[in-house]
C-alpha atoms as a PDB file:
ATOM      1  CA  MET A   1      37.285 -10.123  93.751  1.00  0.00           C
ATOM      2  CA  ASN A   2      38.376 -10.904  90.655  1.00  0.00           C
ATOM      3  CA  GLN A   3      41.959  -9.994  92.088  1.00  0.00           C
ATOM      4  CA  GLU A   4      41.329 -12.237  94.922  1.00  0.00           C
ATOM      5  CA  ALA A   5      40.233 -15.218  92.717  1.00  0.00           C
ATOM      6  CA  ARG A   6      43.595 -14.844  90.681  1.00  0.00           C
ATOM      7  CA  ARG A   7      45.114 -14.890  93.977  1.00  0.00           C
ATOM      8  CA  LEU A   8      43.455 -18.406  94.638  1.00  0.00           C
ATOM      9  CA  ARG A   9      44.174 -19.475  91.319  1.00  0.00           C
ATOM     10  CA  ALA A  10      40.410 -19.308  90.340  1.00  0.00           C
ATOM     11  CA  ASN A  11      41.896 -19.025  86.632  1.00  0.00           C
ATOM     12  CA  HIS A  12      38.406 -20.181  85.344  1.00  0.00           C
ATOM     13  CA  SER A  13      36.243 -17.386  86.976  1.00  0.00           C
ATOM     14  CA  HIS A  14      34.924 -13.333  86.436  1.00  0.00           C
ATOM     15  CA  ALA A  15      33.401 -11.388  88.790  1.00  0.00           C
ATOM     16  CA  VAL A  16      30.777  -8.769  87.387  1.00  0.00           C
ATOM     17  CA  THR A  17      28.833  -7.935  90.353  1.00  0.00           C
ATOM     18  CA  PRO A  18      29.502  -7.739  93.298  1.00  0.00           C
ATOM     19  CA  SER A  19      26.085  -9.812  95.057  1.00  0.00           C
ATOM     20  CA  GLY A  20      27.268 -13.015  92.782  1.00  0.00           C
ATOM     21  CA  LEU A  21      24.439 -13.025  90.751  1.00  0.00           C
ATOM     22  CA  ASP A  22      24.714 -13.511  87.289  1.00  0.00           C
ATOM     23  CA  GLY A  23      26.117 -10.467  84.844  1.00  0.00           C
ATOM     24  CA  PRO A  24      26.767 -10.150  81.698  1.00  0.00           C
ATOM     25  CA  GLY A  25      30.431 -12.114  81.201  1.00  0.00           C
ATOM     26  CA  GLN A  26      30.270 -13.429  84.577  1.00  0.00           C
ATOM     27  CA  TYR A  27      31.088 -17.286  84.934  1.00  0.00           C
ATOM     28  CA  THR A  28      33.272 -19.565  87.182  1.00  0.00           C
ATOM     29  CA  SER A  29      34.165 -23.696  86.880  1.00  0.00           C
ATOM     30  CA  ALA A  30      33.477 -26.406  89.505  1.00  0.00           C
ATOM     31  CA  CYS A  31      37.065 -26.680  90.173  1.00  0.00           C
ATOM     32  CA  ASP A  32      37.084 -22.403  91.139  1.00  0.00           C
ATOM     33  CA  LEU A  33      34.141 -23.351  93.655  1.00  0.00           C
ATOM     34  CA  ALA A  34      35.746 -25.889  95.479  1.00  0.00           C
ATOM     35  CA  LEU A  35      38.903 -23.438  95.663  1.00  0.00           C
ATOM     36  CA  ILE A  36      37.101 -20.091  96.495  1.00  0.00           C
ATOM     37  CA  ALA A  37      35.227 -22.356  98.927  1.00  0.00           C
ATOM     38  CA  ARG A  38      38.874 -23.864 100.591  1.00  0.00           C
ATOM     39  CA  ALA A  39      40.004 -20.312 101.157  1.00  0.00           C
ATOM     40  CA  CYS A  40      36.205 -19.651 102.883  1.00  0.00           C
ATOM     41  CA  PHE A  41      35.815 -22.286 105.261  1.00  0.00           C
ATOM     42  CA  ALA A  42      39.455 -22.159 105.925  1.00  0.00           C
ATOM     43  CA  ARG A  43      38.564 -19.067 108.428  1.00  0.00           C
ATOM     44  CA  GLU A  44      37.269 -19.852 111.299  1.00  0.00           C
ATOM     45  CA  ASP A  45      35.142 -16.509 111.510  1.00  0.00           C
ATOM     46  CA  PHE A  46      33.434 -17.621 107.468  1.00  0.00           C
ATOM     47  CA  ARG A  47      33.222 -21.234 109.993  1.00  0.00           C
ATOM     48  CA  ARG A  48      30.822 -19.728 112.404  1.00  0.00           C
ATOM     49  CA  TYR A  49      28.596 -17.383 109.907  1.00  0.00           C
ATOM     50  CA  ILE A  50      27.885 -19.715 107.131  1.00  0.00           C
ATOM     51  CA  ALA A  51      27.031 -22.502 109.813  1.00  0.00           C
ATOM     52  CA  THR A  52      24.608 -19.343 111.376  1.00  0.00           C
ATOM     53  CA  ARG A  53      21.269 -20.646 111.719  1.00  0.00           C
ATOM     54  CA  VAL A  54      19.272 -17.665 112.480  1.00  0.00           C
ATOM     55  CA  ALA A  55      20.556 -14.140 112.555  1.00  0.00           C
ATOM     56  CA  TYR A  56      19.101 -11.260 113.833  1.00  0.00           C
ATOM     57  CA  VAL A  57      19.259  -7.359 112.557  1.00  0.00           C
ATOM     58  CA  PRO A  58      18.203  -5.102 114.782  1.00  0.00           C
ATOM     59  CA  ALA A  59      15.709  -1.775 113.852  1.00  0.00           C
ATOM     60  CA  GLN A  60      16.981   1.106 111.976  1.00  0.00           C
ATOM     61  CA  PRO A  61      15.554   4.494 111.882  1.00  0.00           C
ATOM     62  CA  GLY A  62      12.261   4.459 110.235  1.00  0.00           C
ATOM     63  CA  LYS A  63      12.907   0.386 109.028  1.00  0.00           C
ATOM     64  CA  PRO A  64      11.939  -2.370 111.285  1.00  0.00           C
ATOM     65  CA  GLY A  65      14.021  -4.805 112.271  1.00  0.00           C
ATOM     66  CA  PHE A  66      13.681  -8.158 110.600  1.00  0.00           C
ATOM     67  CA  GLN A  67      15.323 -11.750 110.938  1.00  0.00           C
ATOM     68  CA  ILE A  68      17.959 -14.262 108.417  1.00  0.00           C
ATOM     69  CA  VAL A  69      16.775 -18.035 107.788  1.00  0.00           C
ATOM     70  CA  ASN A  70      19.718 -20.291 107.090  1.00  0.00           C
ATOM     71  CA  ASP A  71      17.801 -22.839 104.921  1.00  0.00           C
ATOM     72  CA  ASN A  72      20.774 -24.403 104.057  1.00  0.00           C
ATOM     73  CA  THR A  73      18.670 -28.164 105.591  1.00  0.00           C
ATOM     74  CA  LEU A  74      22.400 -30.218 104.966  1.00  0.00           C
ATOM     75  CA  LEU A  75      23.476 -28.177 108.242  1.00  0.00           C
ATOM     76  CA  ASP A  76      20.765 -31.419 110.397  1.00  0.00           C
ATOM     77  CA  ARG A  77      20.613 -33.719 107.863  1.00  0.00           C
ATOM     78  CA  VAL A  78      24.727 -34.505 106.986  1.00  0.00           C
ATOM     79  CA  SER A  79      27.061 -35.436 110.091  1.00  0.00           C
ATOM     80  CA  GLY A  80      29.460 -33.191 109.958  1.00  0.00           C
ATOM     81  CA  MET A  81      28.140 -30.013 107.987  1.00  0.00           C
ATOM     82  CA  LEU A  82      29.774 -27.171 108.406  1.00  0.00           C
ATOM     83  CA  GLY A  83      28.440 -25.044 104.741  1.00  0.00           C
ATOM     84  CA  GLY A  84      27.898 -24.735 102.470  1.00  0.00           C
ATOM     85  CA  LYS A  85      26.777 -22.946  98.795  1.00  0.00           C
ATOM     86  CA  THR A  86      23.671 -23.883  96.287  1.00  0.00           C
ATOM     87  CA  GLY A  87      23.516 -21.579  93.211  1.00  0.00           C
ATOM     88  CA  PHE A  88      21.899 -21.231  89.809  1.00  0.00           C
ATOM     89  CA  ARG A  89      22.889 -19.754  86.447  1.00  0.00           C
ATOM     90  CA  GLN A  90      21.648 -19.560  83.498  1.00  0.00           C
ATOM     91  CA  LEU A  91      24.239 -21.639  81.484  1.00  0.00           C
ATOM     92  CA  ALA A  92      25.685 -23.616  83.913  1.00  0.00           C
ATOM     93  CA  ARG A  93      21.976 -24.690  85.685  1.00  0.00           C
ATOM     94  CA  GLN A  94      21.999 -25.839  89.378  1.00  0.00           C
ATOM     95  CA  LYS A  95      25.503 -25.685  91.353  1.00  0.00           C
ATOM     96  CA  TYR A  96      26.519 -27.047  95.300  1.00  0.00           C
ATOM     97  CA  VAL A  97      29.803 -26.623  96.829  1.00  0.00           C
ATOM     98  CA  GLY A  98      29.670 -27.651 100.690  1.00  0.00           C
ATOM     99  CA  VAL A  99      31.953 -28.999 102.936  1.00  0.00           C
ATOM    100  CA  VAL A 100      31.743 -31.853 105.564  1.00  0.00           C
ATOM    101  CA  GLU A 101      34.256 -32.814 108.439  1.00  0.00           C
ATOM    102  CA  ARG A 102      34.489 -35.840 110.158  1.00  0.00           C
ATOM    103  CA  ASP A 103      37.096 -37.243 112.751  1.00  0.00           C
ATOM    104  CA  GLY A 104      38.749 -33.866 111.909  1.00  0.00           C
ATOM    105  CA  CYS A 105      39.342 -34.142 108.727  1.00  0.00           C
ATOM    106  CA  GLY A 106      37.659 -31.567 106.033  1.00  0.00           C
ATOM    107  CA  SER A 107      36.029 -33.380 102.710  1.00  0.00           C
ATOM    108  CA  TRP A 108      35.311 -31.232  99.889  1.00  0.00           C
END
């Protein structure tokens, strides 16, 4: 993840945990979040995944199936919303990065 961040010129980020949850020494800047989001939303498969409202995980041996629900209410409330990511960090507090597309033009 850190190598990909450098490739994207997200030079004010350092990942420690693969989940993105807080870890000692993990950080990112608002500018880096925008750079990473731009790279993600450039992919058609990512845009499809992040806009999915409900996904079903099938049952596995000894484990029941379950559904995952996308709780991004902006998908239904903002015209042209492609998706976004909320988060909370102890030092940075609340953050949000999202993409809206209108008239064929994306806004970050």
